[in-house]
Amino acid sequence: MKIVKFILAIIVVALSAYQLITGSVELMPYSMLFLAAILLITGLVELQIDRK
């Protein structure tokens, strides 16, 4: 799960940097989608820790 979260974080940082540099906001839904995926994975990890 850490690897998936790390990859998603890299994607979010890359999309955000691109948006800051170009000034376009067309990719904002994708960055929000990847941020939501990071939150979902973080929640799943916390649930697994709590169940042990």
PDB file of N, CA and C in Angstrom:
ATOM      1  N   MET A   1       0.817  -1.201   0.000  1.00  0.00           N
ATOM      2  CA  MET A   1       0.000   0.000   0.000  1.00  0.00           C
ATOM      3  C   MET A   1       0.864   1.270   0.000  1.00  0.00           C
ATOM      4  N   LYS A   2       2.037   1.189   0.623  1.00  0.00           N
ATOM      5  CA  LYS A   2       2.902   2.364   0.665  1.00  0.00           C
ATOM      6  C   LYS A   2       3.382   2.741  -0.726  1.00  0.00           C
ATOM      7  N   ILE A   3       3.636   1.727  -1.545  1.00  0.00           N
ATOM      8  CA  ILE A   3       4.116   1.996  -2.898  1.00  0.00           C
ATOM      9  C   ILE A   3       3.025   2.672  -3.718  1.00  0.00           C
ATOM     10  N   VAL A   4       1.792   2.189  -3.593  1.00  0.00           N
ATOM     11  CA  VAL A   4       0.673   2.776  -4.340  1.00  0.00           C
ATOM     12  C   VAL A   4       0.446   4.212  -3.897  1.00  0.00           C
ATOM     13  N   LYS A   5       0.509   4.431  -2.591  1.00  0.00           N
ATOM     14  CA  LYS A   5       0.316   5.788  -2.072  1.00  0.00           C
ATOM     15  C   LYS A   5       1.430   6.718  -2.538  1.00  0.00           C
ATOM     16  N   PHE A   6       2.659   6.210  -2.590  1.00  0.00           N
ATOM     17  CA  PHE A   6       3.782   7.005  -3.059  1.00  0.00           C
ATOM     18  C   PHE A   6       3.628   7.360  -4.536  1.00  0.00           C
ATOM     19  N   ILE A   7       3.212   6.407  -5.347  1.00  0.00           N
ATOM     20  CA  ILE A   7       3.008   6.661  -6.775  1.00  0.00           C
ATOM     21  C   ILE A   7       1.905   7.685  -6.982  1.00  0.00           C
ATOM     22  N   LEU A   8       0.813   7.551  -6.244  1.00  0.00           N
ATOM     23  CA  LEU A   8      -0.285   8.523  -6.356  1.00  0.00           C
ATOM     24  C   LEU A   8       0.174   9.912  -5.923  1.00  0.00           C
ATOM     25  N   ALA A   9       0.997   9.987  -4.898  1.00  0.00           N
ATOM     26  CA  ALA A   9       1.501  11.279  -4.442  1.00  0.00           C
ATOM     27  C   ALA A   9       2.388  11.928  -5.504  1.00  0.00           C
ATOM     28  N   ILE A  10       3.216  11.123  -6.172  1.00  0.00           N
ATOM     29  CA  ILE A  10       4.063  11.651  -7.248  1.00  0.00           C
ATOM     30  C   ILE A  10       3.192  12.189  -8.385  1.00  0.00           C
ATOM     31  N   ILE A  11       2.130  11.468  -8.724  1.00  0.00           N
ATOM     32  CA  ILE A  11       1.228  11.921  -9.791  1.00  0.00           C
ATOM     33  C   ILE A  11       0.573  13.241  -9.409  1.00  0.00           C
ATOM     34  N   VAL A  12       0.122  13.350  -8.160  1.00  0.00           N
ATOM     35  CA  VAL A  12      -0.536  14.577  -7.707  1.00  0.00           C
ATOM     36  C   VAL A  12       0.434  15.754  -7.736  1.00  0.00           C
ATOM     37  N   VAL A  13       1.656  15.533  -7.283  1.00  0.00           N
ATOM     38  CA  VAL A  13       2.649  16.611  -7.290  1.00  0.00           C
ATOM     39  C   VAL A  13       2.969  17.037  -8.717  1.00  0.00           C
ATOM     40  N   ALA A  14       3.088  16.065  -9.616  1.00  0.00           N
ATOM     41  CA  ALA A  14       3.383  16.395 -11.011  1.00  0.00           C
ATOM     42  C   ALA A  14       2.238  17.175 -11.650  1.00  0.00           C
ATOM     43  N   LEU A  15       1.013  16.738 -11.412  1.00  0.00           N
ATOM     44  CA  LEU A  15      -0.140  17.462 -11.967  1.00  0.00           C
ATOM     45  C   LEU A  15      -0.240  18.869 -11.392  1.00  0.00           C
ATOM     46  N   SER A  16      -0.011  18.999 -10.103  1.00  0.00           N
ATOM     47  CA  SER A  16      -0.088  20.318  -9.472  1.00  0.00           C
ATOM     48  C   SER A  16       1.007  21.247  -9.979  1.00  0.00           C
ATOM     49  N   ALA A  17       2.207  20.712 -10.147  1.00  0.00           N
ATOM     50  CA  ALA A  17       3.294  21.535 -10.679  1.00  0.00           C
ATOM     51  C   ALA A  17       2.986  21.978 -12.098  1.00  0.00           C
ATOM     52  N   TYR A  18       2.452  21.086 -12.904  1.00  0.00           N
ATOM     53  CA  TYR A  18       2.084  21.439 -14.278  1.00  0.00           C
ATOM     54  C   TYR A  18       1.026  22.541 -14.285  1.00  0.00           C
ATOM     55  N   GLN A  19       0.044  22.418 -13.398  1.00  0.00           N
ATOM     56  CA  GLN A  19      -1.012  23.428 -13.333  1.00  0.00           C
ATOM     57  C   GLN A  19      -0.480  24.769 -12.882  1.00  0.00           C
ATOM     58  N   LEU A  20       0.469  24.773 -11.945  1.00  0.00           N
ATOM     59  CA  LEU A  20       1.054  26.031 -11.487  1.00  0.00           C
ATOM     60  C   LEU A  20       1.896  26.692 -12.574  1.00  0.00           C
ATOM     61  N   ILE A  21       2.656  25.885 -13.301  1.00  0.00           N
ATOM     62  CA  ILE A  21       3.537  26.429 -14.326  1.00  0.00           C
ATOM     63  C   ILE A  21       2.746  26.977 -15.512  1.00  0.00           C
ATOM     64  N   THR A  22       1.760  26.201 -15.985  1.00  0.00           N
ATOM     65  CA  THR A  22       1.020  26.613 -17.176  1.00  0.00           C
ATOM     66  C   THR A  22      -0.148  27.545 -16.864  1.00  0.00           C
ATOM     67  N   GLY A  23      -0.660  27.491 -15.670  1.00  0.00           N
ATOM     68  CA  GLY A  23      -1.800  28.328 -15.311  1.00  0.00           C
ATOM     69  C   GLY A  23      -3.126  27.752 -15.770  1.00  0.00           C
ATOM     70  N   SER A  24      -3.125  26.536 -16.297  1.00  0.00           N
ATOM     71  CA  SER A  24      -4.380  25.924 -16.747  1.00  0.00           C
ATOM     72  C   SER A  24      -5.003  25.124 -15.605  1.00  0.00           C
ATOM     73  N   VAL A  25      -6.302  25.013 -15.662  1.00  0.00           N
ATOM     74  CA  VAL A  25      -7.010  24.275 -14.617  1.00  0.00           C
ATOM     75  C   VAL A  25      -7.785  23.091 -15.197  1.00  0.00           C
ATOM     76  N   GLU A  26      -7.462  22.692 -16.420  1.00  0.00           N
ATOM     77  CA  GLU A  26      -8.192  21.583 -17.035  1.00  0.00           C
ATOM     78  C   GLU A  26      -7.928  20.251 -16.342  1.00  0.00           C
ATOM     79  N   LEU A  27      -6.775  20.112 -15.709  1.00  0.00           N
ATOM     80  CA  LEU A  27      -6.414  18.841 -15.074  1.00  0.00           C
ATOM     81  C   LEU A  27      -6.803  18.792 -13.602  1.00  0.00           C
ATOM     82  N   MET A  28      -7.489  19.797 -13.111  1.00  0.00           N
ATOM     83  CA  MET A  28      -7.870  19.841 -11.702  1.00  0.00           C
ATOM     84  C   MET A  28      -8.734  18.645 -11.280  1.00  0.00           C
ATOM     85  N   PRO A  29      -9.710  18.192 -12.077  1.00  0.00           N
ATOM     86  CA  PRO A  29     -10.483  17.014 -11.642  1.00  0.00           C
ATOM     87  C   PRO A  29      -9.622  15.770 -11.467  1.00  0.00           C
ATOM     88  N   TYR A  30      -8.600  15.609 -12.300  1.00  0.00           N
ATOM     89  CA  TYR A  30      -7.737  14.436 -12.173  1.00  0.00           C
ATOM     90  C   TYR A  30      -6.897  14.508 -10.910  1.00  0.00           C
ATOM     91  N   SER A  31      -6.410  15.689 -10.589  1.00  0.00           N
ATOM     92  CA  SER A  31      -5.622  15.806  -9.365  1.00  0.00           C
ATOM     93  C   SER A  31      -6.506  15.565  -8.136  1.00  0.00           C
ATOM     94  N   MET A  32      -7.743  16.022  -8.177  1.00  0.00           N
ATOM     95  CA  MET A  32      -8.669  15.767  -7.073  1.00  0.00           C
ATOM     96  C   MET A  32      -9.005  14.275  -6.968  1.00  0.00           C
ATOM     97  N   LEU A  33      -9.111  13.610  -8.112  1.00  0.00           N
ATOM     98  CA  LEU A  33      -9.384  12.179  -8.111  1.00  0.00           C
ATOM     99  C   LEU A  33      -8.230  11.403  -7.474  1.00  0.00           C
ATOM    100  N   PHE A  34      -7.001  11.768  -7.825  1.00  0.00           N
ATOM    101  CA  PHE A  34      -5.850  11.094  -7.243  1.00  0.00           C
ATOM    102  C   PHE A  34      -5.699  11.431  -5.759  1.00  0.00           C
ATOM    103  N   LEU A  35      -6.039  12.645  -5.359  1.00  0.00           N
ATOM    104  CA  LEU A  35      -6.016  12.988  -3.937  1.00  0.00           C
ATOM    105  C   LEU A  35      -7.047  12.174  -3.160  1.00  0.00           C
ATOM    106  N   ALA A  36      -8.221  11.977  -3.756  1.00  0.00           N
ATOM    107  CA  ALA A  36      -9.247  11.157  -3.113  1.00  0.00           C
ATOM    108  C   ALA A  36      -8.779   9.707  -2.988  1.00  0.00           C
ATOM    109  N   ALA A  37      -8.058   9.214  -3.993  1.00  0.00           N
ATOM    110  CA  ALA A  37      -7.531   7.852  -3.930  1.00  0.00           C
ATOM    111  C   ALA A  37      -6.507   7.727  -2.801  1.00  0.00           C
ATOM    112  N   ILE A  38      -5.674   8.756  -2.623  1.00  0.00           N
ATOM    113  CA  ILE A  38      -4.710   8.740  -1.518  1.00  0.00           C
ATOM    114  C   ILE A  38      -5.443   8.695  -0.178  1.00  0.00           C
ATOM    115  N   LEU A  39      -6.486   9.482  -0.039  1.00  0.00           N
ATOM    116  CA  LEU A  39      -7.255   9.474   1.208  1.00  0.00           C
ATOM    117  C   LEU A  39      -7.922   8.126   1.441  1.00  0.00           C
ATOM    118  N   LEU A  40      -8.426   7.511   0.382  1.00  0.00           N
ATOM    119  CA  LEU A  40      -9.061   6.202   0.506  1.00  0.00           C
ATOM    120  C   LEU A  40      -8.056   5.149   0.953  1.00  0.00           C
ATOM    121  N   ILE A  41      -6.881   5.153   0.353  1.00  0.00           N
ATOM    122  CA  ILE A  41      -5.858   4.180   0.729  1.00  0.00           C
ATOM    123  C   ILE A  41      -5.385   4.416   2.154  1.00  0.00           C
ATOM    124  N   THR A  42      -5.239   5.668   2.547  1.00  0.00           N
ATOM    125  CA  THR A  42      -4.851   5.972   3.927  1.00  0.00           C
ATOM    126  C   THR A  42      -5.901   5.464   4.907  1.00  0.00           C
ATOM    127  N   GLY A  43      -7.158   5.634   4.577  1.00  0.00           N
ATOM    128  CA  GLY A  43      -8.234   5.122   5.428  1.00  0.00           C
ATOM    129  C   GLY A  43      -8.232   3.610   5.528  1.00  0.00           C
ATOM    130  N   LEU A  44      -7.976   2.942   4.400  1.00  0.00           N
ATOM    131  CA  LEU A  44      -7.918   1.483   4.421  1.00  0.00           C
ATOM    132  C   LEU A  44      -6.756   0.978   5.267  1.00  0.00           C
ATOM    133  N   VAL A  45      -5.626   1.645   5.183  1.00  0.00           N
ATOM    134  CA  VAL A  45      -4.468   1.257   6.002  1.00  0.00           C
ATOM    135  C   VAL A  45      -4.784   1.435   7.480  1.00  0.00           C
ATOM    136  N   GLU A  46      -5.430   2.526   7.823  1.00  0.00           N
ATOM    137  CA  GLU A  46      -5.786   2.754   9.230  1.00  0.00           C
ATOM    138  C   GLU A  46      -6.792   1.720   9.718  1.00  0.00           C
ATOM    139  N   LEU A  47      -7.727   1.313   8.869  1.00  0.00           N
ATOM    140  CA  LEU A  47      -8.670   0.269   9.268  1.00  0.00           C
ATOM    141  C   LEU A  47      -7.958  -1.060   9.485  1.00  0.00           C
ATOM    142  N   GLN A  48      -6.996  -1.382   8.635  1.00  0.00           N
ATOM    143  CA  GLN A  48      -6.243  -2.620   8.813  1.00  0.00           C
ATOM    144  C   GLN A  48      -5.423  -2.601  10.092  1.00  0.00           C
ATOM    145  N   ILE A  49      -4.862  -1.476  10.433  1.00  0.00           N
ATOM    146  CA  ILE A  49      -4.076  -1.358  11.670  1.00  0.00           C
ATOM    147  C   ILE A  49      -4.999  -1.547  12.879  1.00  0.00           C
ATOM    148  N   ASP A  50      -6.194  -0.989  12.825  1.00  0.00           N
ATOM    149  CA  ASP A  50      -7.134  -1.046  13.921  1.00  0.00           C
ATOM    150  C   ASP A  50      -7.658  -2.477  14.126  1.00  0.00           C
ATOM    151  N   ARG A  51      -7.752  -3.261  13.086  1.00  0.00           N
ATOM    152  CA  ARG A  51      -8.298  -4.607  13.190  1.00  0.00           C
ATOM    153  C   ARG A  51      -7.309  -5.618  13.752  1.00  0.00           C
ATOM    154  N   LYS A  52      -6.028  -5.298  13.744  1.00  0.00           N
ATOM    155  CA  LYS A  52      -5.029  -6.276  14.206  1.00  0.00           C
ATOM    156  C   LYS A  52      -5.040  -6.410  15.709  1.00  0.00           C
TER     157      LYS A  52
END
